[in-house]
Amino acid sequence: MANEVKDIGIDVKVPDNTCTDKNCPFHGALSVRGQIIEGVVVSTKMNKTAVIERNYLKYQQKFERYEKRTSKYSAHTPSCLEVKPGDHVRIMECRPLSKTVSFVIVEKR
């Protein structure tokens, strides 16, 4: 099954490399569901985990203006996707892999 690539159910570019990671949505047994979030990789210092930052605007009704907000997500990084800080990625929700990791990187843009 090393060369087979699993269909994860969304339209993303399949990685060229293969991996033996059991928590890879393409080559392992991890299923993905729920939210799809786009962001920028801030840090890859953790083992097989990256920190993704997402910027968005929130409307303040009282002042009739938007304010900038930011959120950080910890996401599992499959070894078939070579991700480095500054890359734009798409992450998708999965089952909890650890205390803080409930997302996995599915596409490098």
PDB file of N, CA and C in Angstrom:
ATOM      1  N   MET A   1       0.817  -1.202   0.000  1.00  0.00           N
ATOM      2  CA  MET A   1       0.000   0.000   0.000  1.00  0.00           C
ATOM      3  C   MET A   1       0.861   1.266   0.000  1.00  0.00           C
ATOM      4  N   ALA A   2       2.171   1.142  -0.092  1.00  0.00           N
ATOM      5  CA  ALA A   2       3.067   2.291  -0.026  1.00  0.00           C
ATOM      6  C   ALA A   2       2.862   3.244  -1.196  1.00  0.00           C
ATOM      7  N   ASN A   3       2.528   2.716  -2.401  1.00  0.00           N
ATOM      8  CA  ASN A   3       2.375   3.570  -3.565  1.00  0.00           C
ATOM      9  C   ASN A   3       0.947   4.052  -3.762  1.00  0.00           C
ATOM     10  N   GLU A   4      -0.022   3.459  -3.085  1.00  0.00           N
ATOM     11  CA  GLU A   4      -1.414   3.855  -3.246  1.00  0.00           C
ATOM     12  C   GLU A   4      -1.685   5.145  -2.485  1.00  0.00           C
ATOM     13  N   VAL A   5      -2.460   6.020  -3.120  1.00  0.00           N
ATOM     14  CA  VAL A   5      -2.848   7.275  -2.489  1.00  0.00           C
ATOM     15  C   VAL A   5      -4.342   7.236  -2.270  1.00  0.00           C
ATOM     16  N   LYS A   6      -4.756   7.481  -1.040  1.00  0.00           N
ATOM     17  CA  LYS A   6      -6.161   7.437  -0.669  1.00  0.00           C
ATOM     18  C   LYS A   6      -6.856   8.737  -1.058  1.00  0.00           C
ATOM     19  N   ASP A   7      -8.107   8.641  -1.490  1.00  0.00           N
ATOM     20  CA  ASP A   7      -8.927   9.822  -1.773  1.00  0.00           C
ATOM     21  C   ASP A   7      -9.502  10.310  -0.450  1.00  0.00           C
ATOM     22  N   ILE A   8      -9.191  11.567  -0.066  1.00  0.00           N
ATOM     23  CA  ILE A   8      -9.644  12.066   1.242  1.00  0.00           C
ATOM     24  C   ILE A   8     -10.986  12.782   1.162  1.00  0.00           C
ATOM     25  N   GLY A   9     -11.565  12.910  -0.037  1.00  0.00           N
ATOM     26  CA  GLY A   9     -12.912  13.438  -0.154  1.00  0.00           C
ATOM     27  C   GLY A   9     -13.017  14.900  -0.508  1.00  0.00           C
ATOM     28  N   ILE A  10     -11.897  15.631  -0.570  1.00  0.00           N
ATOM     29  CA  ILE A  10     -11.945  17.025  -0.991  1.00  0.00           C
ATOM     30  C   ILE A  10     -10.968  17.215  -2.144  1.00  0.00           C
ATOM     31  N   ASP A  11     -11.119  18.322  -2.846  1.00  0.00           N
ATOM     32  CA  ASP A  11     -10.305  18.583  -4.022  1.00  0.00           C
ATOM     33  C   ASP A  11      -9.011  19.279  -3.615  1.00  0.00           C
ATOM     34  N   VAL A  12      -7.967  18.495  -3.344  1.00  0.00           N
ATOM     35  CA  VAL A  12      -6.649  19.023  -3.015  1.00  0.00           C
ATOM     36  C   VAL A  12      -5.606  18.349  -3.897  1.00  0.00           C
ATOM     37  N   LYS A  13      -4.461  19.006  -4.027  1.00  0.00           N
ATOM     38  CA  LYS A  13      -3.373  18.432  -4.813  1.00  0.00           C
ATOM     39  C   LYS A  13      -2.712  17.318  -4.007  1.00  0.00           C
ATOM     40  N   VAL A  14      -2.591  16.138  -4.601  1.00  0.00           N
ATOM     41  CA  VAL A  14      -2.006  14.975  -3.915  1.00  0.00           C
ATOM     42  C   VAL A  14      -0.496  15.146  -3.871  1.00  0.00           C
ATOM     43  N   PRO A  15       0.151  14.867  -2.709  1.00  0.00           N
ATOM     44  CA  PRO A  15       1.611  15.017  -2.635  1.00  0.00           C
ATOM     45  C   PRO A  15       2.338  14.028  -3.547  1.00  0.00           C
ATOM     46  N   ASP A  16       3.472  14.480  -4.094  1.00  0.00           N
ATOM     47  CA  ASP A  16       4.265  13.639  -4.985  1.00  0.00           C
ATOM     48  C   ASP A  16       5.015  12.557  -4.218  1.00  0.00           C
ATOM     49  N   ASN A  17       5.478  12.881  -3.020  1.00  0.00           N
ATOM     50  CA  ASN A  17       6.241  11.927  -2.207  1.00  0.00           C
ATOM     51  C   ASN A  17       5.305  10.943  -1.520  1.00  0.00           C
ATOM     52  N   THR A  18       5.883   9.825  -1.066  1.00  0.00           N
ATOM     53  CA  THR A  18       5.127   8.864  -0.259  1.00  0.00           C
ATOM     54  C   THR A  18       5.710   8.858   1.143  1.00  0.00           C
ATOM     55  N   CYS A  19       4.925   8.376   2.097  1.00  0.00           N
ATOM     56  CA  CYS A  19       5.400   8.314   3.475  1.00  0.00           C
ATOM     57  C   CYS A  19       4.813   7.080   4.160  1.00  0.00           C
ATOM     58  N   THR A  20       5.354   6.768   5.324  1.00  0.00           N
ATOM     59  CA  THR A  20       4.874   5.631   6.109  1.00  0.00           C
ATOM     60  C   THR A  20       4.207   6.097   7.397  1.00  0.00           C
ATOM     61  N   ASP A  21       3.799   7.355   7.424  1.00  0.00           N
ATOM     62  CA  ASP A  21       3.159   7.943   8.603  1.00  0.00           C
ATOM     63  C   ASP A  21       1.739   7.404   8.728  1.00  0.00           C
ATOM     64  N   LYS A  22       1.414   6.804   9.871  1.00  0.00           N
ATOM     65  CA  LYS A  22       0.064   6.257  10.056  1.00  0.00           C
ATOM     66  C   LYS A  22      -0.979   7.357  10.214  1.00  0.00           C
ATOM     67  N   ASN A  23      -0.544   8.586  10.554  1.00  0.00           N
ATOM     68  CA  ASN A  23      -1.456   9.715  10.699  1.00  0.00           C
ATOM     69  C   ASN A  23      -1.458  10.619   9.467  1.00  0.00           C
ATOM     70  N   CYS A  24      -1.098  10.080   8.315  1.00  0.00           N
ATOM     71  CA  CYS A  24      -1.161  10.814   7.056  1.00  0.00           C
ATOM     72  C   CYS A  24      -2.520  10.538   6.418  1.00  0.00           C
ATOM     73  N   PRO A  25      -3.255  11.587   6.010  1.00  0.00           N
ATOM     74  CA  PRO A  25      -4.560  11.324   5.404  1.00  0.00           C
ATOM     75  C   PRO A  25      -4.468  10.664   4.027  1.00  0.00           C
ATOM     76  N   PHE A  26      -3.333  10.782   3.341  1.00  0.00           N
ATOM     77  CA  PHE A  26      -3.170  10.213   2.005  1.00  0.00           C
ATOM     78  C   PHE A  26      -2.605   8.795   2.028  1.00  0.00           C
ATOM     79  N   HIS A  27      -1.645   8.518   2.903  1.00  0.00           N
ATOM     80  CA  HIS A  27      -0.949   7.227   2.913  1.00  0.00           C
ATOM     81  C   HIS A  27      -1.196   6.415   4.178  1.00  0.00           C
ATOM     82  N   GLY A  28      -1.882   6.974   5.160  1.00  0.00           N
ATOM     83  CA  GLY A  28      -2.133   6.291   6.423  1.00  0.00           C
ATOM     84  C   GLY A  28      -3.607   6.020   6.634  1.00  0.00           C
ATOM     85  N   ALA A  29      -3.978   5.902   7.898  1.00  0.00           N
ATOM     86  CA  ALA A  29      -5.343   5.527   8.243  1.00  0.00           C
ATOM     87  C   ALA A  29      -6.144   6.678   8.853  1.00  0.00           C
ATOM     88  N   LEU A  30      -5.622   7.904   8.798  1.00  0.00           N
ATOM     89  CA  LEU A  30      -6.299   9.040   9.419  1.00  0.00           C
ATOM     90  C   LEU A  30      -7.391   9.574   8.498  1.00  0.00           C
ATOM     91  N   SER A  31      -8.615   9.664   9.019  1.00  0.00           N
ATOM     92  CA  SER A  31      -9.706  10.237   8.241  1.00  0.00           C
ATOM     93  C   SER A  31      -9.888  11.697   8.641  1.00  0.00           C
ATOM     94  N   VAL A  32     -10.323  12.512   7.688  1.00  0.00           N
ATOM     95  CA  VAL A  32     -10.514  13.936   7.937  1.00  0.00           C
ATOM     96  C   VAL A  32     -11.994  14.263   7.799  1.00  0.00           C
ATOM     97  N   ARG A  33     -12.421  15.304   8.541  1.00  0.00           N
ATOM     98  CA  ARG A  33     -13.825  15.720   8.516  1.00  0.00           C
ATOM     99  C   ARG A  33     -13.894  17.159   8.986  1.00  0.00           C
ATOM    100  N   GLY A  34     -15.003  17.797   8.847  1.00  0.00           N
ATOM    101  CA  GLY A  34     -15.240  19.097   9.467  1.00  0.00           C
ATOM    102  C   GLY A  34     -14.612  20.274   8.750  1.00  0.00           C
ATOM    103  N   GLN A  35     -14.006  21.170   9.540  1.00  0.00           N
ATOM    104  CA  GLN A  35     -13.533  22.456   9.051  1.00  0.00           C
ATOM    105  C   GLN A  35     -12.343  22.336   8.099  1.00  0.00           C
ATOM    106  N   ILE A  36     -12.282  23.264   7.155  1.00  0.00           N
ATOM    107  CA  ILE A  36     -11.112  23.438   6.299  1.00  0.00           C
ATOM    108  C   ILE A  36     -10.652  24.878   6.503  1.00  0.00           C
ATOM    109  N   ILE A  37      -9.397  25.059   6.909  1.00  0.00           N
ATOM    110  CA  ILE A  37      -8.867  26.379   7.257  1.00  0.00           C
ATOM    111  C   ILE A  37      -7.600  26.629   6.459  1.00  0.00           C
ATOM    112  N   GLU A  38      -7.438  27.857   5.964  1.00  0.00           N
ATOM    113  CA  GLU A  38      -6.224  28.253   5.268  1.00  0.00           C
ATOM    114  C   GLU A  38      -5.434  29.196   6.151  1.00  0.00           C
ATOM    115  N   GLY A  39      -4.109  29.039   6.139  1.00  0.00           N
ATOM    116  CA  GLY A  39      -3.263  29.890   6.945  1.00  0.00           C
ATOM    117  C   GLY A  39      -1.813  29.799   6.526  1.00  0.00           C
ATOM    118  N   VAL A  40      -0.945  30.392   7.348  1.00  0.00           N
ATOM    119  CA  VAL A  40       0.490  30.446   7.081  1.00  0.00           C
ATOM    120  C   VAL A  40       1.215  29.696   8.199  1.00  0.00           C
ATOM    121  N   VAL A  41       2.220  28.908   7.815  1.00  0.00           N
ATOM    122  CA  VAL A  41       3.013  28.179   8.799  1.00  0.00           C
ATOM    123  C   VAL A  41       3.911  29.173   9.516  1.00  0.00           C
ATOM    124  N   VAL A  42       3.842  29.186  10.864  1.00  0.00           N
ATOM    125  CA  VAL A  42       4.650  30.088  11.671  1.00  0.00           C
ATOM    126  C   VAL A  42       5.863  29.358  12.225  1.00  0.00           C
ATOM    127  N   SER A  43       5.671  28.102  12.662  1.00  0.00           N
ATOM    128  CA  SER A  43       6.747  27.361  13.307  1.00  0.00           C
ATOM    129  C   SER A  43       6.624  25.881  12.981  1.00  0.00           C
ATOM    130  N   THR A  44       7.785  25.226  12.825  1.00  0.00           N
ATOM    131  CA  THR A  44       7.821  23.772  12.625  1.00  0.00           C
ATOM    132  C   THR A  44       8.782  23.133  13.617  1.00  0.00           C
ATOM    133  N   LYS A  45       8.950  23.734  14.786  1.00  0.00           N
ATOM    134  CA  LYS A  45       9.937  23.264  15.756  1.00  0.00           C
ATOM    135  C   LYS A  45       9.498  22.006  16.499  1.00  0.00           C
ATOM    136  N   MET A  46       8.193  21.744  16.559  1.00  0.00           N
ATOM    137  CA  MET A  46       7.714  20.536  17.219  1.00  0.00           C
ATOM    138  C   MET A  46       7.895  19.337  16.297  1.00  0.00           C
ATOM    139  N   ASN A  47       7.955  18.156  16.888  1.00  0.00           N
ATOM    140  CA  ASN A  47       8.142  16.923  16.124  1.00  0.00           C
ATOM    141  C   ASN A  47       6.854  16.570  15.386  1.00  0.00           C
ATOM    142  N   LYS A  48       6.883  16.579  14.041  1.00  0.00           N
ATOM    143  CA  LYS A  48       5.753  16.243  13.171  1.00  0.00           C
ATOM    144  C   LYS A  48       4.553  17.166  13.372  1.00  0.00           C
ATOM    145  N   THR A  49       4.770  18.361  13.901  1.00  0.00           N
ATOM    146  CA  THR A  49       3.678  19.293  14.158  1.00  0.00           C
ATOM    147  C   THR A  49       4.099  20.697  13.732  1.00  0.00           C
ATOM    148  N   ALA A  50       3.174  21.441  13.165  1.00  0.00           N
ATOM    149  CA  ALA A  50       3.428  22.825  12.767  1.00  0.00           C
ATOM    150  C   ALA A  50       2.385  23.727  13.404  1.00  0.00           C
ATOM    151  N   VAL A  51       2.755  24.994  13.607  1.00  0.00           N
ATOM    152  CA  VAL A  51       1.826  25.992  14.116  1.00  0.00           C
ATOM    153  C   VAL A  51       1.382  26.832  12.928  1.00  0.00           C
ATOM    154  N   ILE A  52       0.055  26.887  12.724  1.00  0.00           N
ATOM    155  CA  ILE A  52      -0.539  27.603  11.605  1.00  0.00           C
ATOM    156  C   ILE A  52      -1.238  28.845  12.142  1.00  0.00           C
ATOM    157  N   GLU A  53      -1.013  29.994  11.503  1.00  0.00           N
ATOM    158  CA  GLU A  53      -1.654  31.232  11.927  1.00  0.00           C
ATOM    159  C   GLU A  53      -2.653  31.666  10.862  1.00  0.00           C
ATOM    160  N   ARG A  54      -3.851  32.040  11.320  1.00  0.00           N
ATOM    161  CA  ARG A  54      -4.915  32.490  10.427  1.00  0.00           C
ATOM    162  C   ARG A  54      -5.338  33.894  10.834  1.00  0.00           C
ATOM    163  N   ASN A  55      -5.337  34.826   9.893  1.00  0.00           N
ATOM    164  CA  ASN A  55      -5.786  36.197  10.139  1.00  0.00           C
ATOM    165  C   ASN A  55      -7.178  36.376   9.552  1.00  0.00           C
ATOM    166  N   TYR A  56      -8.032  37.082  10.283  1.00  0.00           N
ATOM    167  CA  TYR A  56      -9.393  37.325   9.816  1.00  0.00           C
ATOM    168  C   TYR A  56      -9.914  38.621  10.410  1.00  0.00           C
ATOM    169  N   LEU A  57     -11.037  39.098   9.888  1.00  0.00           N
ATOM    170  CA  LEU A  57     -11.658  40.330  10.361  1.00  0.00           C
ATOM    171  C   LEU A  57     -12.945  40.004  11.109  1.00  0.00           C
ATOM    172  N   LYS A  58     -13.170  40.696  12.236  1.00  0.00           N
ATOM    173  CA  LYS A  58     -14.397  40.520  13.012  1.00  0.00           C
ATOM    174  C   LYS A  58     -15.091  41.869  13.078  1.00  0.00           C
ATOM    175  N   TYR A  59     -16.374  41.874  12.783  1.00  0.00           N
ATOM    176  CA  TYR A  59     -17.149  43.109  12.763  1.00  0.00           C
ATOM    177  C   TYR A  59     -17.538  43.507  14.179  1.00  0.00           C
ATOM    178  N   GLN A  60     -17.291  44.775  14.535  1.00  0.00           N
ATOM    179  CA  GLN A  60     -17.707  45.320  15.822  1.00  0.00           C
ATOM    180  C   GLN A  60     -18.938  46.194  15.586  1.00  0.00           C
ATOM    181  N   GLN A  61     -20.085  45.720  16.059  1.00  0.00           N
ATOM    182  CA  GLN A  61     -21.351  46.387  15.766  1.00  0.00           C
ATOM    183  C   GLN A  61     -21.436  47.770  16.413  1.00  0.00           C
ATOM    184  N   LYS A  62     -20.897  47.901  17.606  1.00  0.00           N
ATOM    185  CA  LYS A  62     -20.994  49.172  18.324  1.00  0.00           C
ATOM    186  C   LYS A  62     -20.266  50.297  17.584  1.00  0.00           C
ATOM    187  N   PHE A  63     -19.098  49.999  17.050  1.00  0.00           N
ATOM    188  CA  PHE A  63     -18.296  51.019  16.380  1.00  0.00           C
ATOM    189  C   PHE A  63     -18.427  50.977  14.862  1.00  0.00           C
ATOM    190  N   GLU A  64     -19.202  50.029  14.331  1.00  0.00           N
ATOM    191  CA  GLU A  64     -19.431  49.870  12.907  1.00  0.00           C
ATOM    192  C   GLU A  64     -18.121  49.783  12.123  1.00  0.00           C
ATOM    193  N   ARG A  65     -17.186  49.000  12.664  1.00  0.00           N
ATOM    194  CA  ARG A  65     -15.890  48.810  12.027  1.00  0.00           C
ATOM    195  C   ARG A  65     -15.467  47.354  12.176  1.00  0.00           C
ATOM    196  N   TYR A  66     -14.437  47.003  11.438  1.00  0.00           N
ATOM    197  CA  TYR A  66     -13.858  45.665  11.546  1.00  0.00           C
ATOM    198  C   TYR A  66     -12.568  45.746  12.339  1.00  0.00           C
ATOM    199  N   GLU A  67     -12.296  44.698  13.113  1.00  0.00           N
ATOM    200  CA  GLU A  67     -11.018  44.611  13.809  1.00  0.00           C
ATOM    201  C   GLU A  67     -10.275  43.375  13.323  1.00  0.00           C
ATOM    202  N   LYS A  68      -8.954  43.482  13.280  1.00  0.00           N
ATOM    203  CA  LYS A  68      -8.129  42.355  12.862  1.00  0.00           C
ATOM    204  C   LYS A  68      -7.979  41.395  14.030  1.00  0.00           C
ATOM    205  N   ARG A  69      -8.121  40.110  13.736  1.00  0.00           N
ATOM    206  CA  ARG A  69      -7.907  39.081  14.742  1.00  0.00           C
ATOM    207  C   ARG A  69      -7.019  37.999  14.160  1.00  0.00           C
ATOM    208  N   THR A  70      -6.414  37.212  15.038  1.00  0.00           N
ATOM    209  CA  THR A  70      -5.545  36.134  14.597  1.00  0.00           C
ATOM    210  C   THR A  70      -5.759  34.916  15.479  1.00  0.00           C
ATOM    211  N   SER A  71      -5.659  33.750  14.885  1.00  0.00           N
ATOM    212  CA  SER A  71      -5.789  32.491  15.617  1.00  0.00           C
ATOM    213  C   SER A  71      -4.624  31.596  15.243  1.00  0.00           C
ATOM    214  N   LYS A  72      -4.167  30.809  16.203  1.00  0.00           N
ATOM    215  CA  LYS A  72      -3.096  29.850  15.940  1.00  0.00           C
ATOM    216  C   LYS A  72      -3.622  28.440  16.171  1.00  0.00           C
ATOM    217  N   TYR A  73      -3.282  27.538  15.259  1.00  0.00           N
ATOM    218  CA  TYR A  73      -3.690  26.145  15.336  1.00  0.00           C
ATOM    219  C   TYR A  73      -2.455  25.269  15.287  1.00  0.00           C
ATOM    220  N   SER A  74      -2.427  24.214  16.090  1.00  0.00           N
ATOM    221  CA  SER A  74      -1.387  23.196  15.983  1.00  0.00           C
ATOM    222  C   SER A  74      -1.920  22.113  15.054  1.00  0.00           C
ATOM    223  N   ALA A  75      -1.120  21.766  14.038  1.00  0.00           N
ATOM    224  CA  ALA A  75      -1.565  20.793  13.049  1.00  0.00           C
ATOM    225  C   ALA A  75      -0.481  19.760  12.809  1.00  0.00           C
ATOM    226  N   HIS A  76      -0.896  18.503  12.637  1.00  0.00           N
ATOM    227  CA  HIS A  76       0.038  17.424  12.328  1.00  0.00           C
ATOM    228  C   HIS A  76       0.582  17.618  10.914  1.00  0.00           C
ATOM    229  N   THR A  77       1.881  17.385  10.741  1.00  0.00           N
ATOM    230  CA  THR A  77       2.520  17.529   9.437  1.00  0.00           C
ATOM    231  C   THR A  77       2.941  16.164   8.932  1.00  0.00           C
ATOM    232  N   PRO A  78       2.277  15.609   7.913  1.00  0.00           N
ATOM    233  CA  PRO A  78       2.733  14.344   7.336  1.00  0.00           C
ATOM    234  C   PRO A  78       4.107  14.521   6.695  1.00  0.00           C
ATOM    235  N   SER A  79       4.918  13.472   6.727  1.00  0.00           N
ATOM    236  CA  SER A  79       6.274  13.596   6.198  1.00  0.00           C
ATOM    237  C   SER A  79       6.305  13.700   4.677  1.00  0.00           C
ATOM    238  N   CYS A  80       5.215  13.363   3.985  1.00  0.00           N
ATOM    239  CA  CYS A  80       5.191  13.488   2.524  1.00  0.00           C
ATOM    240  C   CYS A  80       5.049  14.945   2.081  1.00  0.00           C
ATOM    241  N   LEU A  81       4.590  15.824   2.964  1.00  0.00           N
ATOM    242  CA  LEU A  81       4.503  17.258   2.664  1.00  0.00           C
ATOM    243  C   LEU A  81       5.681  17.951   3.341  1.00  0.00           C
ATOM    244  N   GLU A  82       6.607  18.480   2.555  1.00  0.00           N
ATOM    245  CA  GLU A  82       7.741  19.197   3.135  1.00  0.00           C
ATOM    246  C   GLU A  82       7.324  20.636   3.387  1.00  0.00           C
ATOM    247  N   VAL A  83       6.971  20.931   4.634  1.00  0.00           N
ATOM    248  CA  VAL A  83       6.453  22.237   5.002  1.00  0.00           C
ATOM    249  C   VAL A  83       7.516  22.984   5.784  1.00  0.00           C
ATOM    250  N   LYS A  84       7.677  24.268   5.470  1.00  0.00           N
ATOM    251  CA  LYS A  84       8.618  25.109   6.200  1.00  0.00           C
ATOM    252  C   LYS A  84       7.931  26.421   6.579  1.00  0.00           C
ATOM    253  N   PRO A  85       8.449  27.169   7.542  1.00  0.00           N
ATOM    254  CA  PRO A  85       7.806  28.427   7.942  1.00  0.00           C
ATOM    255  C   PRO A  85       7.663  29.386   6.763  1.00  0.00           C
ATOM    256  N   GLY A  86       6.503  30.026   6.671  1.00  0.00           N
ATOM    257  CA  GLY A  86       6.207  30.944   5.588  1.00  0.00           C
ATOM    258  C   GLY A  86       5.346  30.343   4.501  1.00  0.00           C
ATOM    259  N   ASP A  87       5.175  29.020   4.491  1.00  0.00           N
ATOM    260  CA  ASP A  87       4.349  28.367   3.476  1.00  0.00           C
ATOM    261  C   ASP A  87       2.870  28.606   3.753  1.00  0.00           C
ATOM    262  N   HIS A  88       2.094  28.801   2.692  1.00  0.00           N
ATOM    263  CA  HIS A  88       0.642  28.885   2.801  1.00  0.00           C
ATOM    264  C   HIS A  88       0.103  27.466   2.696  1.00  0.00           C
ATOM    265  N   VAL A  89      -0.691  27.050   3.668  1.00  0.00           N
ATOM    266  CA  VAL A  89      -1.190  25.684   3.710  1.00  0.00           C
ATOM    267  C   VAL A  89      -2.694  25.678   3.951  1.00  0.00           C
ATOM    268  N   ARG A  90      -3.283  24.523   3.721  1.00  0.00           N
ATOM    269  CA  ARG A  90      -4.685  24.271   4.027  1.00  0.00           C
ATOM    270  C   ARG A  90      -4.709  23.137   5.037  1.00  0.00           C
ATOM    271  N   ILE A  91      -5.404  23.340   6.159  1.00  0.00           N
ATOM    272  CA  ILE A  91      -5.506  22.302   7.183  1.00  0.00           C
ATOM    273  C   ILE A  91      -6.957  21.859   7.291  1.00  0.00           C
ATOM    274  N   MET A  92      -7.133  20.629   7.762  1.00  0.00           N
ATOM    275  CA  MET A  92      -8.471  20.080   7.889  1.00  0.00           C
ATOM    276  C   MET A  92      -8.597  19.375   9.230  1.00  0.00           C
ATOM    277  N   GLU A  93      -9.786  19.413   9.772  1.00  0.00           N
ATOM    278  CA  GLU A  93     -10.051  18.833  11.090  1.00  0.00           C
ATOM    279  C   GLU A  93      -9.984  17.310  11.029  1.00  0.00           C
ATOM    280  N   CYS A  94      -9.500  16.723  12.103  1.00  0.00           N
ATOM    281  CA  CYS A  94      -9.450  15.268  12.222  1.00  0.00           C
ATOM    282  C   CYS A  94      -9.714  14.915  13.689  1.00  0.00           C
ATOM    283  N   ARG A  95      -9.601  13.639  14.018  1.00  0.00           N
ATOM    284  CA  ARG A  95      -9.769  13.247  15.421  1.00  0.00           C
ATOM    285  C   ARG A  95      -8.601  13.820  16.229  1.00  0.00           C
ATOM    286  N   PRO A  96      -8.753  13.983  17.548  1.00  0.00           N
ATOM    287  CA  PRO A  96      -7.651  14.515  18.347  1.00  0.00           C
ATOM    288  C   PRO A  96      -6.443  13.570  18.318  1.00  0.00           C
ATOM    289  N   LEU A  97      -5.285  14.111  17.926  1.00  0.00           N
ATOM    290  CA  LEU A  97      -4.046  13.331  17.896  1.00  0.00           C
ATOM    291  C   LEU A  97      -3.233  13.525  19.172  1.00  0.00           C
ATOM    292  N   SER A  98      -3.453  14.646  19.853  1.00  0.00           N
ATOM    293  CA  SER A  98      -2.811  14.915  21.138  1.00  0.00           C
ATOM    294  C   SER A  98      -3.663  15.955  21.860  1.00  0.00           C
ATOM    295  N   LYS A  99      -3.129  16.513  22.921  1.00  0.00           N
ATOM    296  CA  LYS A  99      -3.886  17.488  23.700  1.00  0.00           C
ATOM    297  C   LYS A  99      -4.242  18.723  22.873  1.00  0.00           C
ATOM    298  N   THR A 100      -3.333  19.185  22.036  1.00  0.00           N
ATOM    299  CA  THR A 100      -3.565  20.421  21.280  1.00  0.00           C
ATOM    300  C   THR A 100      -3.752  20.198  19.785  1.00  0.00           C
ATOM    301  N   VAL A 101      -3.482  19.011  19.257  1.00  0.00           N
ATOM    302  CA  VAL A 101      -3.512  18.779  17.812  1.00  0.00           C
ATOM    303  C   VAL A 101      -4.804  18.070  17.419  1.00  0.00           C
ATOM    304  N   SER A 102      -5.674  18.792  16.680  1.00  0.00           N
ATOM    305  CA  SER A 102      -6.902  18.209  16.129  1.00  0.00           C
ATOM    306  C   SER A 102      -7.055  18.542  14.658  1.00  0.00           C
ATOM    307  N   PHE A 103      -5.961  18.984  14.025  1.00  0.00           N
ATOM    308  CA  PHE A 103      -5.955  19.316  12.616  1.00  0.00           C
ATOM    309  C   PHE A 103      -4.767  18.629  11.952  1.00  0.00           C
ATOM    310  N   VAL A 104      -4.856  18.448  10.631  1.00  0.00           N
ATOM    311  CA  VAL A 104      -3.766  17.870   9.854  1.00  0.00           C
ATOM    312  C   VAL A 104      -3.620  18.700   8.585  1.00  0.00           C
ATOM    313  N   ILE A 105      -2.372  18.902   8.141  1.00  0.00           N
ATOM    314  CA  ILE A 105      -2.116  19.640   6.908  1.00  0.00           C
ATOM    315  C   ILE A 105      -2.450  18.750   5.728  1.00  0.00           C
ATOM    316  N   VAL A 106      -3.310  19.228   4.819  1.00  0.00           N
ATOM    317  CA  VAL A 106      -3.707  18.427   3.670  1.00  0.00           C
ATOM    318  C   VAL A 106      -3.190  18.992   2.353  1.00  0.00           C
ATOM    319  N   GLU A 107      -2.763  20.255   2.332  1.00  0.00           N
ATOM    320  CA  GLU A 107      -2.290  20.813   1.066  1.00  0.00           C
ATOM    321  C   GLU A 107      -1.314  21.949   1.330  1.00  0.00           C
ATOM    322  N   LYS A 108      -0.258  21.973   0.537  1.00  0.00           N
ATOM    323  CA  LYS A 108       0.709  23.077   0.551  1.00  0.00           C
ATOM    324  C   LYS A 108       0.450  23.889  -0.691  1.00  0.00           C
ATOM    325  N   ARG A 109       0.175  25.197  -0.537  1.00  0.00           N
ATOM    326  CA  ARG A 109      -0.224  26.031  -1.672  1.00  0.00           C
ATOM    327  C   ARG A 109       0.947  26.766  -2.254  1.00  0.00           C
TER     328      ARG A 109
END
